[in-house]
Amino acid sequence: MMHLKNITAGNPKTKEQYQLQSNLTSNGFIQMMEKLV
């Protein structure tokens, strides 16, 4: 979980990556991890 978060927490080069980063760090990311676990 941490390694994925570190990757997305890097330097967002575009607005798309920034939005993706914010989505991954929100409930969507938590729900995705719950599905994997």
N, C-alpha and C. Protein backbone atom coordinates (compact mmCIF):
# COMPACT_ATOMS: atom_id res chain seq x y z
N MET A 1 0.83 -1.20 0.00
CA MET A 1 0.00 0.00 0.00
C MET A 1 0.87 1.26 0.00
N MET A 2 1.91 1.23 0.81
CA MET A 2 2.76 2.41 0.91
C MET A 2 3.52 2.66 -0.39
N HIS A 3 3.99 1.58 -1.03
CA HIS A 3 4.77 1.79 -2.24
C HIS A 3 3.90 2.37 -3.34
N LEU A 4 2.64 1.96 -3.43
CA LEU A 4 1.73 2.54 -4.42
C LEU A 4 1.49 4.01 -4.11
N LYS A 5 1.35 4.31 -2.82
CA LYS A 5 1.08 5.68 -2.43
C LYS A 5 2.29 6.56 -2.73
N ASN A 6 3.49 6.02 -2.53
CA ASN A 6 4.69 6.81 -2.79
C ASN A 6 4.82 7.14 -4.27
N ILE A 7 4.45 6.19 -5.12
CA ILE A 7 4.54 6.41 -6.56
C ILE A 7 3.60 7.54 -6.97
N THR A 8 2.35 7.47 -6.50
CA THR A 8 1.36 8.47 -6.88
C THR A 8 1.64 9.81 -6.21
N ALA A 9 2.39 9.78 -5.11
CA ALA A 9 2.67 11.01 -4.37
C ALA A 9 3.87 11.75 -4.95
N GLY A 10 4.38 11.26 -6.08
CA GLY A 10 5.52 11.91 -6.72
C GLY A 10 5.13 13.25 -7.32
N ASN A 11 5.79 13.66 -8.38
CA ASN A 11 5.49 14.94 -9.00
C ASN A 11 4.45 14.76 -10.10
N PRO A 12 3.22 15.20 -9.86
CA PRO A 12 2.19 15.10 -10.90
C PRO A 12 2.54 16.01 -12.08
N LYS A 13 2.80 15.40 -13.24
CA LYS A 13 3.23 16.18 -14.40
C LYS A 13 2.05 16.80 -15.13
N THR A 14 0.88 16.17 -15.00
CA THR A 14 -0.28 16.69 -15.70
C THR A 14 -1.47 16.73 -14.76
N LYS A 15 -2.51 17.43 -15.16
CA LYS A 15 -3.71 17.49 -14.33
C LYS A 15 -4.33 16.12 -14.20
N GLU A 16 -4.22 15.31 -15.27
CA GLU A 16 -4.77 13.95 -15.21
C GLU A 16 -4.08 13.15 -14.12
N GLN A 17 -2.76 13.22 -14.06
CA GLN A 17 -2.03 12.48 -13.05
C GLN A 17 -2.34 13.01 -11.66
N TYR A 18 -2.54 14.33 -11.56
CA TYR A 18 -2.86 14.91 -10.26
C TYR A 18 -4.22 14.45 -9.78
N GLN A 19 -5.19 14.40 -10.71
CA GLN A 19 -6.53 13.92 -10.35
C GLN A 19 -6.47 12.45 -10.00
N LEU A 20 -5.68 11.68 -10.75
CA LEU A 20 -5.53 10.26 -10.46
C LEU A 20 -4.92 10.07 -9.08
N GLN A 21 -3.93 10.90 -8.76
CA GLN A 21 -3.30 10.83 -7.45
C GLN A 21 -4.32 11.10 -6.35
N SER A 22 -5.12 12.15 -6.52
CA SER A 22 -6.11 12.49 -5.49
C SER A 22 -7.15 11.39 -5.37
N ASN A 23 -7.49 10.75 -6.49
CA ASN A 23 -8.47 9.67 -6.45
C ASN A 23 -7.90 8.45 -5.74
N LEU A 24 -6.64 8.14 -5.98
CA LEU A 24 -6.03 6.97 -5.36
C LEU A 24 -5.90 7.16 -3.85
N THR A 25 -5.69 8.39 -3.44
CA THR A 25 -5.50 8.65 -2.01
C THR A 25 -6.83 8.87 -1.30
N SER A 26 -7.94 8.73 -2.03
CA SER A 26 -9.25 8.93 -1.42
C SER A 26 -9.94 7.59 -1.22
N ASN A 27 -11.26 7.62 -1.07
CA ASN A 27 -12.00 6.40 -0.79
C ASN A 27 -11.83 5.36 -1.90
N GLY A 28 -11.68 5.79 -3.13
CA GLY A 28 -11.53 4.86 -4.24
C GLY A 28 -10.32 3.96 -4.02
N PHE A 29 -9.23 4.53 -3.53
CA PHE A 29 -8.02 3.74 -3.28
C PHE A 29 -8.27 2.73 -2.16
N ILE A 30 -8.96 3.18 -1.12
CA ILE A 30 -9.25 2.29 0.02
C ILE A 30 -10.14 1.14 -0.43
N GLN A 31 -11.16 1.45 -1.22
CA GLN A 31 -12.07 0.41 -1.70
C GLN A 31 -11.32 -0.57 -2.59
N MET A 32 -10.41 -0.09 -3.41
CA MET A 32 -9.64 -0.97 -4.29
C MET A 32 -8.78 -1.91 -3.46
N MET A 33 -8.15 -1.40 -2.42
CA MET A 33 -7.31 -2.23 -1.57
C MET A 33 -8.15 -3.27 -0.84
N GLU A 34 -9.35 -2.89 -0.43
CA GLU A 34 -10.22 -3.84 0.27
C GLU A 34 -10.59 -4.99 -0.65
N LYS A 35 -10.78 -4.69 -1.94
CA LYS A 35 -11.12 -5.74 -2.90
C LYS A 35 -9.93 -6.69 -3.08
N LEU A 36 -8.73 -6.13 -3.10
CA LEU A 36 -7.54 -6.97 -3.27
C LEU A 36 -7.32 -7.84 -2.04
N VAL A 37 -7.65 -7.31 -0.88
CA VAL A 37 -7.48 -8.06 0.37
C VAL A 37 -8.72 -8.87 0.64
